[in-house]
Amino acid sequence: MYFVVGPVLALLISLKFTQQQQSKHQKEYEALVAKVELLESRNEEVDKEMLQKIMTTVMPIAKAVNKLNQEVGL
């Protein structure tokens, strides 16, 4: 009788442990997915801001170069 109860009990304990580990890993996975989504949205915002800053920096330079080219005759 004991030779049947021992392995069955070990199986039940291992199934419970596996379920707990799976639940834990699922929560970690969901947290990581949320962090990735947050980083993606922040990255898009930073890209838009960076584009605007670059444009405000480059436009006066481009206008000055065009004006210089017109004065030189190029």
PDB file of N, CA and C in Angstrom:
ATOM      1  N   MET A   1       0.824  -1.189   0.000  1.00  0.00           N
ATOM      2  CA  MET A   1       0.000   0.000   0.000  1.00  0.00           C
ATOM      3  C   MET A   1       0.871   1.256   0.000  1.00  0.00           C
ATOM      4  N   TYR A   2       1.947   1.271   0.811  1.00  0.00           N
ATOM      5  CA  TYR A   2       2.786   2.463   0.894  1.00  0.00           C
ATOM      6  C   TYR A   2       3.548   2.714  -0.408  1.00  0.00           C
ATOM      7  N   PHE A   3       3.811   1.651  -1.136  1.00  0.00           N
ATOM      8  CA  PHE A   3       4.542   1.815  -2.387  1.00  0.00           C
ATOM      9  C   PHE A   3       3.687   2.497  -3.450  1.00  0.00           C
ATOM     10  N   VAL A   4       2.374   2.603  -3.261  1.00  0.00           N
ATOM     11  CA  VAL A   4       1.486   3.310  -4.190  1.00  0.00           C
ATOM     12  C   VAL A   4       1.247   4.738  -3.697  1.00  0.00           C
ATOM     13  N   VAL A   5       1.099   4.923  -2.407  1.00  0.00           N
ATOM     14  CA  VAL A   5       0.771   6.227  -1.842  1.00  0.00           C
ATOM     15  C   VAL A   5       1.935   7.200  -2.003  1.00  0.00           C
ATOM     16  N   GLY A   6       3.140   6.738  -1.814  1.00  0.00           N
ATOM     17  CA  GLY A   6       4.323   7.608  -1.907  1.00  0.00           C
ATOM     18  C   GLY A   6       4.464   8.271  -3.264  1.00  0.00           C
ATOM     19  N   PRO A   7       4.490   7.522  -4.359  1.00  0.00           N
ATOM     20  CA  PRO A   7       4.615   8.141  -5.683  1.00  0.00           C
ATOM     21  C   PRO A   7       3.422   9.024  -6.044  1.00  0.00           C
ATOM     22  N   VAL A   8       2.215   8.619  -5.644  1.00  0.00           N
ATOM     23  CA  VAL A   8       1.030   9.436  -5.926  1.00  0.00           C
ATOM     24  C   VAL A   8       1.124  10.763  -5.184  1.00  0.00           C
ATOM     25  N   LEU A   9       1.540  10.716  -3.935  1.00  0.00           N
ATOM     26  CA  LEU A   9       1.706  11.924  -3.137  1.00  0.00           C
ATOM     27  C   LEU A   9       2.798  12.816  -3.747  1.00  0.00           C
ATOM     28  N   ALA A  10       3.883  12.229  -4.187  1.00  0.00           N
ATOM     29  CA  ALA A  10       4.955  12.992  -4.829  1.00  0.00           C
ATOM     30  C   ALA A  10       4.457  13.648  -6.116  1.00  0.00           C
ATOM     31  N   LEU A  11       3.641  12.923  -6.876  1.00  0.00           N
ATOM     32  CA  LEU A  11       3.071  13.466  -8.104  1.00  0.00           C
ATOM     33  C   LEU A  11       2.179  14.652  -7.811  1.00  0.00           C
ATOM     34  N   LEU A  12       1.318  14.539  -6.822  1.00  0.00           N
ATOM     35  CA  LEU A  12       0.415  15.634  -6.469  1.00  0.00           C
ATOM     36  C   LEU A  12       1.190  16.867  -5.996  1.00  0.00           C
ATOM     37  N   ILE A  13       2.205  16.648  -5.191  1.00  0.00           N
ATOM     38  CA  ILE A  13       3.013  17.768  -4.706  1.00  0.00           C
ATOM     39  C   ILE A  13       3.740  18.443  -5.870  1.00  0.00           C
ATOM     40  N   SER A  14       4.271  17.648  -6.784  1.00  0.00           N
ATOM     41  CA  SER A  14       4.992  18.236  -7.921  1.00  0.00           C
ATOM     42  C   SER A  14       4.039  19.001  -8.841  1.00  0.00           C
ATOM     43  N   LEU A  15       2.814  18.504  -9.021  1.00  0.00           N
ATOM     44  CA  LEU A  15       1.838  19.220  -9.839  1.00  0.00           C
ATOM     45  C   LEU A  15       1.474  20.564  -9.212  1.00  0.00           C
ATOM     46  N   LYS A  16       1.307  20.582  -7.906  1.00  0.00           N
ATOM     47  CA  LYS A  16       0.986  21.826  -7.206  1.00  0.00           C
ATOM     48  C   LYS A  16       2.149  22.816  -7.321  1.00  0.00           C
ATOM     49  N   PHE A  17       3.380  22.315  -7.143  1.00  0.00           N
ATOM     50  CA  PHE A  17       4.555  23.162  -7.259  1.00  0.00           C
ATOM     51  C   PHE A  17       4.670  23.736  -8.671  1.00  0.00           C
ATOM     52  N   THR A  18       4.420  22.898  -9.676  1.00  0.00           N
ATOM     53  CA  THR A  18       4.478  23.338 -11.062  1.00  0.00           C
ATOM     54  C   THR A  18       3.437  24.413 -11.330  1.00  0.00           C
ATOM     55  N   GLN A  19       2.252  24.236 -10.796  1.00  0.00           N
ATOM     56  CA  GLN A  19       1.190  25.229 -10.974  1.00  0.00           C
ATOM     57  C   GLN A  19       1.574  26.556 -10.337  1.00  0.00           C
ATOM     58  N   GLN A  20       2.151  26.514  -9.148  1.00  0.00           N
ATOM     59  CA  GLN A  20       2.575  27.739  -8.478  1.00  0.00           C
ATOM     60  C   GLN A  20       3.673  28.443  -9.270  1.00  0.00           C
ATOM     61  N   GLN A  21       4.630  27.687  -9.770  1.00  0.00           N
ATOM     62  CA  GLN A  21       5.713  28.270 -10.550  1.00  0.00           C
ATOM     63  C   GLN A  21       5.189  28.880 -11.850  1.00  0.00           C
ATOM     64  N   GLN A  22       4.251  28.202 -12.477  1.00  0.00           N
ATOM     65  CA  GLN A  22       3.671  28.714 -13.703  1.00  0.00           C
ATOM     66  C   GLN A  22       2.925  30.018 -13.429  1.00  0.00           C
ATOM     67  N   SER A  23       2.189  30.073 -12.340  1.00  0.00           N
ATOM     68  CA  SER A  23       1.473  31.286 -11.972  1.00  0.00           C
ATOM     69  C   SER A  23       2.452  32.431 -11.717  1.00  0.00           C
ATOM     70  N   LYS A  24       3.524  32.139 -11.023  1.00  0.00           N
ATOM     71  CA  LYS A  24       4.544  33.146 -10.726  1.00  0.00           C
ATOM     72  C   LYS A  24       5.179  33.674 -12.010  1.00  0.00           C
ATOM     73  N   HIS A  25       5.529  32.773 -12.911  1.00  0.00           N
ATOM     74  CA  HIS A  25       6.152  33.169 -14.165  1.00  0.00           C
ATOM     75  C   HIS A  25       5.175  33.934 -15.058  1.00  0.00           C
ATOM     76  N   GLN A  26       3.911  33.591 -14.993  1.00  0.00           N
ATOM     77  CA  GLN A  26       2.904  34.308 -15.776  1.00  0.00           C
ATOM     78  C   GLN A  26       2.806  35.755 -15.301  1.00  0.00           C
ATOM     79  N   LYS A  27       2.832  35.969 -13.985  1.00  0.00           N
ATOM     80  CA  LYS A  27       2.783  37.330 -13.450  1.00  0.00           C
ATOM     81  C   LYS A  27       4.020  38.121 -13.851  1.00  0.00           C
ATOM     82  N   GLU A  28       5.189  37.490 -13.788  1.00  0.00           N
ATOM     83  CA  GLU A  28       6.427  38.149 -14.208  1.00  0.00           C
ATOM     84  C   GLU A  28       6.371  38.510 -15.688  1.00  0.00           C
ATOM     85  N   TYR A  29       5.837  37.611 -16.496  1.00  0.00           N
ATOM     86  CA  TYR A  29       5.714  37.847 -17.925  1.00  0.00           C
ATOM     87  C   TYR A  29       4.807  39.040 -18.198  1.00  0.00           C
ATOM     88  N   GLU A  30       3.670  39.091 -17.513  1.00  0.00           N
ATOM     89  CA  GLU A  30       2.736  40.199 -17.704  1.00  0.00           C
ATOM     90  C   GLU A  30       3.369  41.522 -17.281  1.00  0.00           C
ATOM     91  N   ALA A  31       4.148  41.508 -16.207  1.00  0.00           N
ATOM     92  CA  ALA A  31       4.825  42.727 -15.763  1.00  0.00           C
ATOM     93  C   ALA A  31       5.848  43.179 -16.808  1.00  0.00           C
ATOM     94  N   LEU A  32       6.589  42.239 -17.378  1.00  0.00           N
ATOM     95  CA  LEU A  32       7.569  42.583 -18.405  1.00  0.00           C
ATOM     96  C   LEU A  32       6.901  43.118 -19.663  1.00  0.00           C
ATOM     97  N   VAL A  33       5.787  42.544 -20.044  1.00  0.00           N
ATOM     98  CA  VAL A  33       5.060  43.023 -21.220  1.00  0.00           C
ATOM     99  C   VAL A  33       4.590  44.459 -20.985  1.00  0.00           C
ATOM    100  N   ALA A  34       4.102  44.739 -19.785  1.00  0.00           N
ATOM    101  CA  ALA A  34       3.658  46.093 -19.465  1.00  0.00           C
ATOM    102  C   ALA A  34       4.823  47.080 -19.528  1.00  0.00           C
ATOM    103  N   LYS A  35       5.990  46.670 -19.032  1.00  0.00           N
ATOM    104  CA  LYS A  35       7.166  47.538 -19.080  1.00  0.00           C
ATOM    105  C   LYS A  35       7.583  47.804 -20.524  1.00  0.00           C
ATOM    106  N   VAL A  36       7.544  46.785 -21.359  1.00  0.00           N
ATOM    107  CA  VAL A  36       7.922  46.947 -22.767  1.00  0.00           C
ATOM    108  C   VAL A  36       6.963  47.905 -23.457  1.00  0.00           C
ATOM    109  N   GLU A  37       5.673  47.768 -23.202  1.00  0.00           N
ATOM    110  CA  GLU A  37       4.696  48.673 -23.806  1.00  0.00           C
ATOM    111  C   GLU A  37       4.926  50.107 -23.350  1.00  0.00           C
ATOM    112  N   LEU A  38       5.234  50.292 -22.075  1.00  0.00           N
ATOM    113  CA  LEU A  38       5.518  51.620 -21.550  1.00  0.00           C
ATOM    114  C   LEU A  38       6.753  52.216 -22.219  1.00  0.00           C
ATOM    115  N   LEU A  39       7.799  51.409 -22.358  1.00  0.00           N
ATOM    116  CA  LEU A  39       9.019  51.887 -23.007  1.00  0.00           C
ATOM    117  C   LEU A  39       8.785  52.227 -24.471  1.00  0.00           C
ATOM    118  N   GLU A  40       7.969  51.449 -25.148  1.00  0.00           N
ATOM    119  CA  GLU A  40       7.664  51.739 -26.548  1.00  0.00           C
ATOM    120  C   GLU A  40       6.938  53.067 -26.686  1.00  0.00           C
ATOM    121  N   SER A  41       5.972  53.314 -25.809  1.00  0.00           N
ATOM    122  CA  SER A  41       5.230  54.578 -25.887  1.00  0.00           C
ATOM    123  C   SER A  41       6.140  55.753 -25.551  1.00  0.00           C
ATOM    124  N   ARG A  42       7.003  55.602 -24.545  1.00  0.00           N
ATOM    125  CA  ARG A  42       7.946  56.679 -24.211  1.00  0.00           C
ATOM    126  C   ARG A  42       8.925  56.910 -25.347  1.00  0.00           C
ATOM    127  N   ASN A  43       9.349  55.837 -25.984  1.00  0.00           N
ATOM    128  CA  ASN A  43      10.280  55.961 -27.102  1.00  0.00           C
ATOM    129  C   ASN A  43       9.650  56.741 -28.253  1.00  0.00           C
ATOM    130  N   GLU A  44       8.393  56.489 -28.544  1.00  0.00           N
ATOM    131  CA  GLU A  44       7.705  57.217 -29.604  1.00  0.00           C
ATOM    132  C   GLU A  44       7.607  58.701 -29.257  1.00  0.00           C
ATOM    133  N   GLU A  45       7.310  59.006 -27.989  1.00  0.00           N
ATOM    134  CA  GLU A  45       7.223  60.397 -27.563  1.00  0.00           C
ATOM    135  C   GLU A  45       8.571  61.095 -27.693  1.00  0.00           C
ATOM    136  N   VAL A  46       9.628  60.416 -27.274  1.00  0.00           N
ATOM    137  CA  VAL A  46      10.971  61.001 -27.356  1.00  0.00           C
ATOM    138  C   VAL A  46      11.365  61.201 -28.810  1.00  0.00           C
ATOM    139  N   ASP A  47      11.005  60.269 -29.683  1.00  0.00           N
ATOM    140  CA  ASP A  47      11.320  60.410 -31.106  1.00  0.00           C
ATOM    141  C   ASP A  47      10.646  61.644 -31.694  1.00  0.00           C
ATOM    142  N   LYS A  48       9.383  61.862 -31.335  1.00  0.00           N
ATOM    143  CA  LYS A  48       8.661  63.035 -31.839  1.00  0.00           C
ATOM    144  C   LYS A  48       9.302  64.323 -31.329  1.00  0.00           C
ATOM    145  N   GLU A  49       9.638  64.350 -30.044  1.00  0.00           N
ATOM    146  CA  GLU A  49      10.275  65.535 -29.479  1.00  0.00           C
ATOM    147  C   GLU A  49      11.632  65.782 -30.122  1.00  0.00           C
ATOM    148  N   MET A  50      12.391  64.717 -30.325  1.00  0.00           N
ATOM    149  CA  MET A  50      13.716  64.840 -30.922  1.00  0.00           C
ATOM    150  C   MET A  50      13.609  65.369 -32.343  1.00  0.00           C
ATOM    151  N   LEU A  51      12.629  64.905 -33.097  1.00  0.00           N
ATOM    152  CA  LEU A  51      12.437  65.379 -34.465  1.00  0.00           C
ATOM    153  C   LEU A  51      12.136  66.873 -34.473  1.00  0.00           C
ATOM    154  N   GLN A  52      11.288  67.317 -33.575  1.00  0.00           N
ATOM    155  CA  GLN A  52      10.965  68.739 -33.503  1.00  0.00           C
ATOM    156  C   GLN A  52      12.199  69.559 -33.134  1.00  0.00           C
ATOM    157  N   LYS A  53      12.980  69.085 -32.189  1.00  0.00           N
ATOM    158  CA  LYS A  53      14.180  69.815 -31.768  1.00  0.00           C
ATOM    159  C   LYS A  53      15.199  69.882 -32.896  1.00  0.00           C
ATOM    160  N   ILE A  54      15.349  68.791 -33.612  1.00  0.00           N
ATOM    161  CA  ILE A  54      16.297  68.770 -34.728  1.00  0.00           C
ATOM    162  C   ILE A  54      15.842  69.728 -35.820  1.00  0.00           C
ATOM    163  N   MET A  55      14.552  69.723 -36.094  1.00  0.00           N
ATOM    164  CA  MET A  55      14.038  70.615 -37.136  1.00  0.00           C
ATOM    165  C   MET A  55      14.237  72.076 -36.753  1.00  0.00           C
ATOM    166  N   THR A  56      14.004  72.416 -35.482  1.00  0.00           N
ATOM    167  CA  THR A  56      14.199  73.809 -35.071  1.00  0.00           C
ATOM    168  C   THR A  56      15.672  74.183 -35.113  1.00  0.00           C
ATOM    169  N   THR A  57      16.546  73.222 -34.972  1.00  0.00           N
ATOM    170  CA  THR A  57      17.981  73.492 -35.032  1.00  0.00           C
ATOM    171  C   THR A  57      18.474  73.569 -36.467  1.00  0.00           C
ATOM    172  N   VAL A  58      17.985  72.710 -37.320  1.00  0.00           N
ATOM    173  CA  VAL A  58      18.506  72.592 -38.685  1.00  0.00           C
ATOM    174  C   VAL A  58      17.904  73.641 -39.631  1.00  0.00           C
ATOM    175  N   MET A  59      16.680  74.037 -39.415  1.00  0.00           N
ATOM    176  CA  MET A  59      16.025  74.969 -40.344  1.00  0.00           C
ATOM    177  C   MET A  59      16.779  76.286 -40.488  1.00  0.00           C
ATOM    178  N   PRO A  60      17.193  76.952 -39.424  1.00  0.00           N
ATOM    179  CA  PRO A  60      17.950  78.186 -39.623  1.00  0.00           C
ATOM    180  C   PRO A  60      19.261  77.966 -40.374  1.00  0.00           C
ATOM    181  N   ILE A  61      19.903  76.841 -40.111  1.00  0.00           N
ATOM    182  CA  ILE A  61      21.149  76.531 -40.816  1.00  0.00           C
ATOM    183  C   ILE A  61      20.869  76.327 -42.300  1.00  0.00           C
ATOM    184  N   ALA A  62      19.805  75.603 -42.622  1.00  0.00           N
ATOM    185  CA  ALA A  62      19.457  75.349 -44.024  1.00  0.00           C
ATOM    186  C   ALA A  62      19.105  76.648 -44.733  1.00  0.00           C
ATOM    187  N   LYS A  63      18.376  77.528 -44.055  1.00  0.00           N
ATOM    188  CA  LYS A  63      18.025  78.816 -44.663  1.00  0.00           C
ATOM    189  C   LYS A  63      19.282  79.649 -44.896  1.00  0.00           C
ATOM    190  N   ALA A  64      20.187  79.637 -43.932  1.00  0.00           N
ATOM    191  CA  ALA A  64      21.420  80.402 -44.082  1.00  0.00           C
ATOM    192  C   ALA A  64      22.259  79.859 -45.241  1.00  0.00           C
ATOM    193  N   VAL A  65      22.328  78.572 -45.386  1.00  0.00           N
ATOM    194  CA  VAL A  65      23.078  77.961 -46.495  1.00  0.00           C
ATOM    195  C   VAL A  65      22.436  78.319 -47.825  1.00  0.00           C
ATOM    196  N   ASN A  66      21.100  78.282 -47.898  1.00  0.00           N
ATOM    197  CA  ASN A  66      20.416  78.664 -49.145  1.00  0.00           C
ATOM    198  C   ASN A  66      20.692  80.131 -49.467  1.00  0.00           C
ATOM    199  N   LYS A  67      20.625  80.977 -48.470  1.00  0.00           N
ATOM    200  CA  LYS A  67      20.883  82.408 -48.683  1.00  0.00           C
ATOM    201  C   LYS A  67      22.327  82.622 -49.151  1.00  0.00           C
ATOM    202  N   LEU A  68      23.241  81.895 -48.533  1.00  0.00           N
ATOM    203  CA  LEU A  68      24.638  81.993 -48.922  1.00  0.00           C
ATOM    204  C   LEU A  68      24.848  81.499 -50.346  1.00  0.00           C
ATOM    205  N   ASN A  69      24.202  80.431 -50.709  1.00  0.00           N
ATOM    206  CA  ASN A  69      24.302  79.910 -52.082  1.00  0.00           C
ATOM    207  C   ASN A  69      23.749  80.907 -53.092  1.00  0.00           C
ATOM    208  N   GLN A  70      22.658  81.591 -52.749  1.00  0.00           N
ATOM    209  CA  GLN A  70      22.088  82.576 -53.650  1.00  0.00           C
ATOM    210  C   GLN A  70      23.017  83.779 -53.808  1.00  0.00           C
ATOM    211  N   GLU A  71      23.641  84.196 -52.724  1.00  0.00           N
ATOM    212  CA  GLU A  71      24.550  85.327 -52.806  1.00  0.00           C
ATOM    213  C   GLU A  71      25.797  84.982 -53.599  1.00  0.00           C
ATOM    214  N   VAL A  72      26.275  83.740 -53.433  1.00  0.00           N
ATOM    215  CA  VAL A  72      27.467  83.337 -54.158  1.00  0.00           C
ATOM    216  C   VAL A  72      27.139  83.049 -55.616  1.00  0.00           C
ATOM    217  N   GLY A  73      25.902  82.613 -55.849  1.00  0.00           N
ATOM    218  CA  GLY A  73      25.491  82.337 -57.226  1.00  0.00           C
ATOM    219  C   GLY A  73      25.509  80.873 -57.576  1.00  0.00           C
ATOM    220  N   LEU A  74      25.355  80.020 -56.604  1.00  0.00           N
ATOM    221  CA  LEU A  74      25.325  78.578 -56.878  1.00  0.00           C
ATOM    222  C   LEU A  74      23.942  78.076 -57.102  1.00  0.00           C
TER     223      LEU A  74
END
